[in-house]
Amino acid sequence: MASCDLGNLGPVDGEPIDYYWNPLNHCSGLLPWLLLGAAFIFCKENRRTSALWMLLPLIVSGLAWSGFTQILGMPSSTTALINPVIYSLLIALALIWLLGERIGRRHRLATWFLGLLIFATLAGLLLLNIGLGDDAIQIMIFYGIMVAVLLLSLVIAGLWGRKKPGPVRFIFKLSTCILLTLVTLVLGMVSLHSGISLRSIALQVLLSALACAGVMIALLLPLELLLMIHPFWRERFEAVMGIPACKRKEVLPETEEPHEESESCAMD
C-alpha cells in the first residue's frame, strides 16, 4: 500500500481502497496485431515465405515514425494518442494487400467498399483501445480524414495510371494524389467551419497539410516499394488496383507465332 508523509496536512496513511486490475483492458492494443497475424495463419494463400515480406515495410515505417517523433520531441501524451492511429492505418493497408486475392479482381466499387470495411474494422479496434474519453472524437476524426485521403488517392492514382503503368510513375502519382487530396480536404473543412477566416490561417493550414502529407508519403514508401519490386506482392497489387504494376516489355520472336510478354518489370 502506497503512503506519503503529508506533514500537518493529514495522516501518513489514508483509508485503503480496493482496485480491480483487469489485464484484458490493457491488451486491447494488441487486437490489430492479432488480426494481422490471423491473416497469415487462416488465409492459405499467405502461408508462404513470400507473404512474410509484408512485415518488413511495417517494421521500417514503424521505426521511421518512432524516430520522427523523437526528433520532433513530441511529448508522450501526444504520441500515446497518435501512435495507435498511425499503426492502425499501416495494419489496415497491410491487411488490404494480404487479402488482395479475396477482395481484388472485382468491380472497382466492390473492392473499394471491402477496403473501406477493413479500415472500419480497424477503427472499431482503435476505439476499443483508446476508449470513449474526451479525445476519442478528435482521434476518430483524424483517423477518418486519413482513411478518406488514402482511399481517394488510391482510386485516383489507379485511374491515372491505367495507360502508363510503371513503379516510379505510380509512386509519383500516388504521392501527388495524397498531397492534393489532403490539402484540398483540410482547406475545405476549415473553410466550412463557421467563425474562422480562411485567409487569416490559409498559410498555416497549408503548411500543416503539406507536412502531414509528407509524413504519409514517407511512411507509405516502404510498402509501395514492396508492392512494385516483389513478384508475389506485385500480383496482389494488380489484383486490388486492377492495373499492371509495371510496363512489361514485349518480345517479338523471329517466328510468326504471336508475340509474348516478358516477366521483367521496367522501372519507369
Protein backbone atom coordinates (compact mmCIF):
# COMPACT_ATOMS: atom_id res chain seq x y z
CA MET A 1 0.00 0.00 0.00
CA ALA A 2 1.43 3.38 -1.02
CA SER A 3 1.92 6.07 1.62
CA CYS A 4 3.27 9.58 1.80
CA ASP A 5 4.18 11.89 4.69
CA LEU A 6 1.94 14.95 4.26
CA GLY A 7 3.18 16.74 7.39
CA ASN A 8 0.39 18.71 9.03
CA LEU A 9 -1.96 18.22 6.08
CA GLY A 10 -3.21 14.81 7.09
CA PRO A 11 -2.36 11.28 8.20
CA VAL A 12 0.53 9.44 6.65
CA ASP A 13 -1.65 6.51 5.57
CA GLY A 14 -5.16 7.00 4.29
CA GLU A 15 -8.00 4.54 4.16
CA PRO A 16 -7.13 1.56 1.93
CA ILE A 17 -9.24 1.09 -1.18
CA ASP A 18 -9.75 -1.91 -3.43
CA TYR A 19 -8.80 -1.64 -7.10
CA TYR A 20 -9.51 -4.39 -9.58
CA TRP A 21 -6.96 -4.55 -12.37
CA ASN A 22 -8.26 -6.38 -15.42
CA PRO A 23 -5.37 -7.38 -17.69
CA LEU A 24 -7.77 -7.62 -20.65
CA ASN A 25 -8.23 -3.85 -20.54
CA HIS A 26 -4.55 -3.41 -21.31
CA CYS A 27 -4.47 -5.96 -24.15
CA SER A 28 -6.84 -4.15 -26.49
CA GLY A 29 -3.88 -2.52 -28.23
CA LEU A 30 -2.75 -5.97 -29.37
CA LEU A 31 -6.01 -6.74 -31.19
CA PRO A 32 -4.96 -5.14 -34.52
CA TRP A 33 -1.74 -7.14 -34.47
CA LEU A 34 -3.66 -10.33 -33.66
CA LEU A 35 -5.92 -9.59 -36.63
CA LEU A 36 -2.83 -9.18 -38.79
CA GLY A 37 -1.48 -12.50 -37.54
CA ALA A 38 -4.80 -14.18 -38.31
CA ALA A 39 -4.46 -13.08 -41.95
CA PHE A 40 -1.19 -15.02 -42.14
CA ILE A 41 -2.48 -18.11 -40.32
CA PHE A 42 -6.03 -18.59 -41.58
CA CYS A 43 -5.61 -17.44 -45.20
CA LYS A 44 -3.91 -20.29 -47.01
CA GLU A 45 -2.63 -18.00 -49.77
CA ASN A 46 -0.50 -16.25 -47.11
CA ARG A 47 1.06 -19.41 -45.68
CA ARG A 48 4.29 -18.92 -47.56
CA THR A 49 7.58 -17.18 -47.05
CA SER A 50 6.83 -14.50 -49.63
CA ALA A 51 3.86 -13.30 -47.59
CA LEU A 52 6.09 -12.57 -44.60
CA TRP A 53 7.77 -9.81 -46.57
CA MET A 54 4.75 -7.65 -45.69
CA LEU A 55 6.16 -7.38 -42.16
CA LEU A 56 9.24 -5.57 -43.46
CA PRO A 57 7.51 -2.30 -44.52
CA LEU A 58 5.52 -2.35 -41.28
CA ILE A 59 8.71 -2.56 -39.27
CA VAL A 60 10.52 0.06 -41.36
CA SER A 61 7.60 2.51 -41.28
CA GLY A 62 7.11 1.93 -37.55
CA LEU A 63 10.77 2.63 -36.80
CA ALA A 64 10.72 5.68 -39.07
CA TRP A 65 7.68 7.07 -37.29
CA SER A 66 9.22 6.41 -33.88
CA GLY A 67 12.42 8.19 -34.91
CA PHE A 68 10.43 11.08 -36.36
CA THR A 69 8.53 11.63 -33.11
CA GLN A 70 11.77 11.56 -31.14
CA ILE A 71 13.41 14.09 -33.45
CA LEU A 72 10.45 16.42 -33.09
CA GLY A 73 10.45 15.88 -29.33
CA MET A 74 6.75 15.04 -29.18
CA PRO A 75 5.51 14.64 -25.60
CA SER A 76 4.44 11.17 -24.55
CA SER A 77 0.86 12.35 -24.09
CA THR A 78 0.70 13.27 -27.79
CA THR A 79 2.37 10.13 -29.13
CA ALA A 80 0.10 7.99 -26.96
CA LEU A 81 -2.84 9.40 -28.94
CA ILE A 82 -1.30 9.48 -32.43
CA ASN A 83 0.62 6.18 -32.40
CA PRO A 84 -2.50 3.95 -32.34
CA VAL A 85 -3.86 5.87 -35.36
CA ILE A 86 -0.66 5.50 -37.36
CA TYR A 87 -0.27 1.81 -36.57
CA SER A 88 -3.95 1.13 -37.28
CA LEU A 89 -3.60 2.74 -40.72
CA LEU A 90 -0.47 0.74 -41.51
CA ILE A 91 -2.05 -2.53 -40.37
CA ALA A 92 -5.22 -1.80 -42.36
CA LEU A 93 -3.16 -1.24 -45.52
CA ALA A 94 -1.22 -4.45 -44.87
CA LEU A 95 -4.49 -6.37 -44.47
CA ILE A 96 -5.81 -5.00 -47.76
CA TRP A 97 -2.85 -6.45 -49.65
CA LEU A 98 -2.79 -9.66 -47.58
CA LEU A 99 -6.43 -10.19 -48.56
CA GLY A 100 -5.83 -8.94 -52.09
CA GLU A 101 -6.80 -12.20 -53.76
CA ARG A 102 -10.11 -12.16 -51.90
CA ILE A 103 -11.13 -8.52 -52.19
CA GLY A 104 -9.46 -7.85 -55.55
CA ARG A 105 -10.30 -8.88 -59.10
CA ARG A 106 -13.80 -7.47 -58.65
CA HIS A 107 -15.63 -4.38 -59.72
CA ARG A 108 -13.75 -1.31 -58.53
CA LEU A 109 -16.65 -0.21 -56.36
CA ALA A 110 -16.81 -3.62 -54.64
CA THR A 111 -13.06 -3.62 -53.97
CA TRP A 112 -13.27 -0.05 -52.66
CA PHE A 113 -16.12 -1.00 -50.31
CA LEU A 114 -14.26 -4.06 -48.98
CA GLY A 115 -11.18 -1.90 -48.38
CA LEU A 116 -13.34 0.61 -46.53
CA LEU A 117 -14.71 -2.26 -44.44
CA ILE A 118 -11.17 -3.22 -43.40
CA PHE A 119 -10.45 0.36 -42.36
CA ALA A 120 -13.74 0.45 -40.45
CA THR A 121 -12.80 -2.76 -38.61
CA LEU A 122 -9.51 -1.21 -37.52
CA ALA A 123 -11.41 1.92 -36.49
CA GLY A 124 -13.53 -0.19 -34.15
CA LEU A 125 -10.43 -1.79 -32.64
CA LEU A 126 -8.86 1.65 -32.32
CA LEU A 127 -11.90 2.97 -30.48
CA LEU A 128 -11.80 -0.06 -28.21
CA ASN A 129 -8.17 0.72 -27.44
CA ILE A 130 -8.48 4.44 -26.70
CA GLY A 131 -11.88 4.23 -25.03
CA LEU A 132 -14.69 6.77 -25.07
CA GLY A 133 -12.79 9.61 -23.47
CA ASP A 134 -12.67 13.28 -24.34
CA ASP A 135 -10.04 12.74 -27.04
CA ALA A 136 -11.88 9.89 -28.78
CA ILE A 137 -13.85 12.16 -31.13
CA GLN A 138 -10.77 14.08 -32.26
CA ILE A 139 -8.79 10.88 -32.79
CA MET A 140 -11.57 9.26 -34.82
CA ILE A 141 -11.94 12.41 -36.95
CA PHE A 142 -8.21 12.35 -37.63
CA TYR A 143 -8.39 8.66 -38.48
CA GLY A 144 -11.36 9.25 -40.77
CA ILE A 145 -9.54 12.02 -42.64
CA MET A 146 -6.50 9.80 -43.17
CA VAL A 147 -8.69 6.93 -44.43
CA ALA A 148 -10.53 9.23 -46.84
CA VAL A 149 -7.24 10.60 -48.17
CA LEU A 150 -5.75 7.13 -48.66
CA LEU A 151 -8.80 5.60 -50.36
CA LEU A 152 -9.40 8.58 -52.64
CA SER A 153 -5.71 8.76 -53.53
CA LEU A 154 -5.56 5.06 -54.37
CA VAL A 155 -8.64 5.31 -56.58
CA ILE A 156 -7.42 8.41 -58.42
CA ALA A 157 -3.88 7.06 -58.82
CA GLY A 158 -5.31 3.78 -60.12
CA LEU A 159 -7.38 5.54 -62.76
CA TRP A 160 -4.49 7.86 -63.59
CA GLY A 161 -2.00 5.03 -64.02
CA ARG A 162 -4.00 2.76 -66.31
CA LYS A 163 -2.47 3.93 -69.58
CA LYS A 164 1.14 4.39 -68.49
CA PRO A 165 1.99 1.91 -65.73
CA GLY A 166 5.33 1.80 -64.01
CA PRO A 167 6.65 1.63 -60.42
CA VAL A 168 8.22 5.07 -60.36
CA ARG A 169 5.26 6.62 -62.14
CA PHE A 170 2.73 5.05 -59.79
CA ILE A 171 4.63 6.12 -56.67
CA PHE A 172 4.85 9.66 -58.04
CA LYS A 173 1.16 9.70 -58.97
CA LEU A 174 0.04 8.30 -55.61
CA SER A 175 2.21 10.80 -53.73
CA THR A 176 0.78 13.64 -55.82
CA CYS A 177 -2.77 12.43 -55.15
CA ILE A 178 -2.14 12.21 -51.40
CA LEU A 179 -0.71 15.72 -51.36
CA LEU A 180 -3.52 17.31 -53.37
CA THR A 181 -6.31 15.33 -51.70
CA LEU A 182 -5.15 16.11 -48.17
CA VAL A 183 -4.61 19.82 -48.85
CA THR A 184 -7.99 20.12 -50.58
CA LEU A 185 -9.80 18.23 -47.85
CA VAL A 186 -8.23 20.18 -44.99
CA LEU A 187 -8.77 23.56 -46.64
CA GLY A 188 -12.37 22.61 -47.43
CA MET A 189 -13.08 21.58 -43.85
CA VAL A 190 -11.55 24.78 -42.48
CA SER A 191 -13.48 26.97 -44.91
CA LEU A 192 -16.77 25.31 -43.90
CA HIS A 193 -16.09 25.90 -40.20
CA SER A 194 -18.07 28.88 -39.02
CA GLY A 195 -16.26 31.73 -37.34
CA ILE A 196 -12.89 31.04 -38.96
CA SER A 197 -11.45 33.23 -41.69
CA LEU A 198 -9.62 31.06 -44.19
CA ARG A 199 -7.47 33.94 -45.37
CA SER A 200 -6.06 34.54 -41.93
CA ILE A 201 -4.87 30.98 -41.41
CA ALA A 202 -4.55 29.75 -45.00
CA LEU A 203 -0.75 29.64 -44.93
CA GLN A 204 -0.64 27.88 -41.56
CA VAL A 205 -3.22 25.31 -42.64
CA LEU A 206 -1.45 24.77 -45.96
CA LEU A 207 1.93 24.20 -44.31
CA SER A 208 0.38 21.78 -41.77
CA ALA A 209 -1.35 19.84 -44.55
CA LEU A 210 1.87 19.68 -46.57
CA ALA A 211 3.80 18.40 -43.54
CA CYS A 212 1.15 15.77 -42.82
CA ALA A 213 1.11 14.70 -46.48
CA GLY A 214 4.90 14.41 -46.45
CA VAL A 215 4.79 12.13 -43.41
CA MET A 216 2.12 9.95 -45.05
CA ILE A 217 4.09 9.66 -48.28
CA ALA A 218 7.28 8.72 -46.40
CA LEU A 219 5.52 6.09 -44.29
CA LEU A 220 3.88 4.53 -47.36
CA LEU A 221 7.09 4.38 -49.40
CA PRO A 222 8.38 1.04 -47.97
CA LEU A 223 5.02 -0.60 -48.71
CA GLU A 224 4.92 0.82 -52.23
CA LEU A 225 8.43 -0.44 -52.96
CA LEU A 226 7.49 -3.93 -51.80
CA LEU A 227 4.37 -3.97 -53.98
CA MET A 228 6.35 -2.88 -57.01
CA ILE A 229 9.51 -4.96 -56.62
CA HIS A 230 8.47 -8.34 -55.19
CA PRO A 231 6.72 -10.59 -57.77
CA PHE A 232 4.36 -12.09 -55.17
CA TRP A 233 3.16 -8.71 -53.95
CA ARG A 234 3.14 -7.29 -57.46
CA GLU A 235 0.36 -9.78 -58.25
CA ARG A 236 -1.58 -8.64 -55.17
CA PHE A 237 -1.17 -5.04 -56.25
CA GLU A 238 -2.56 -5.81 -59.70
CA ALA A 239 -5.45 -7.78 -58.17
CA VAL A 240 -6.51 -4.91 -55.90
CA MET A 241 -5.75 -1.93 -58.13
CA GLY A 242 -6.84 -3.52 -61.39
CA ILE A 243 -3.85 -2.08 -63.24
CA PRO A 244 -0.44 -3.57 -64.12
CA ALA A 245 2.28 -2.74 -61.67
CA CYS A 246 4.79 -2.18 -64.44
CA LYS A 247 5.14 -1.92 -68.17
CA ARG A 248 6.13 -5.34 -69.44
CA LYS A 249 8.43 -5.44 -72.39
CA GLU A 250 7.07 -7.19 -75.43
CA VAL A 251 9.33 -9.79 -77.01
CA LEU A 252 8.72 -10.43 -80.71
CA PRO A 253 10.16 -13.79 -81.74
CA GLU A 254 11.62 -14.34 -85.18
CA THR A 255 8.92 -16.88 -85.97
CA GLU A 256 5.42 -15.95 -86.97
CA GLU A 257 3.97 -17.05 -83.65
CA PRO A 258 2.01 -14.47 -81.59
CA HIS A 259 4.25 -12.20 -79.56
CA GLU A 260 4.69 -12.84 -75.84
CA GLU A 261 5.28 -10.53 -72.91
CA SER A 262 8.35 -10.92 -70.78
CA GLU A 263 8.13 -11.02 -66.99
CA SER A 264 10.70 -8.31 -66.46
CA CYS A 265 9.36 -5.15 -64.92
CA ALA A 266 10.64 -1.89 -66.29
CA MET A 267 11.40 0.60 -63.54
CA ASP A 268 9.90 3.70 -65.09
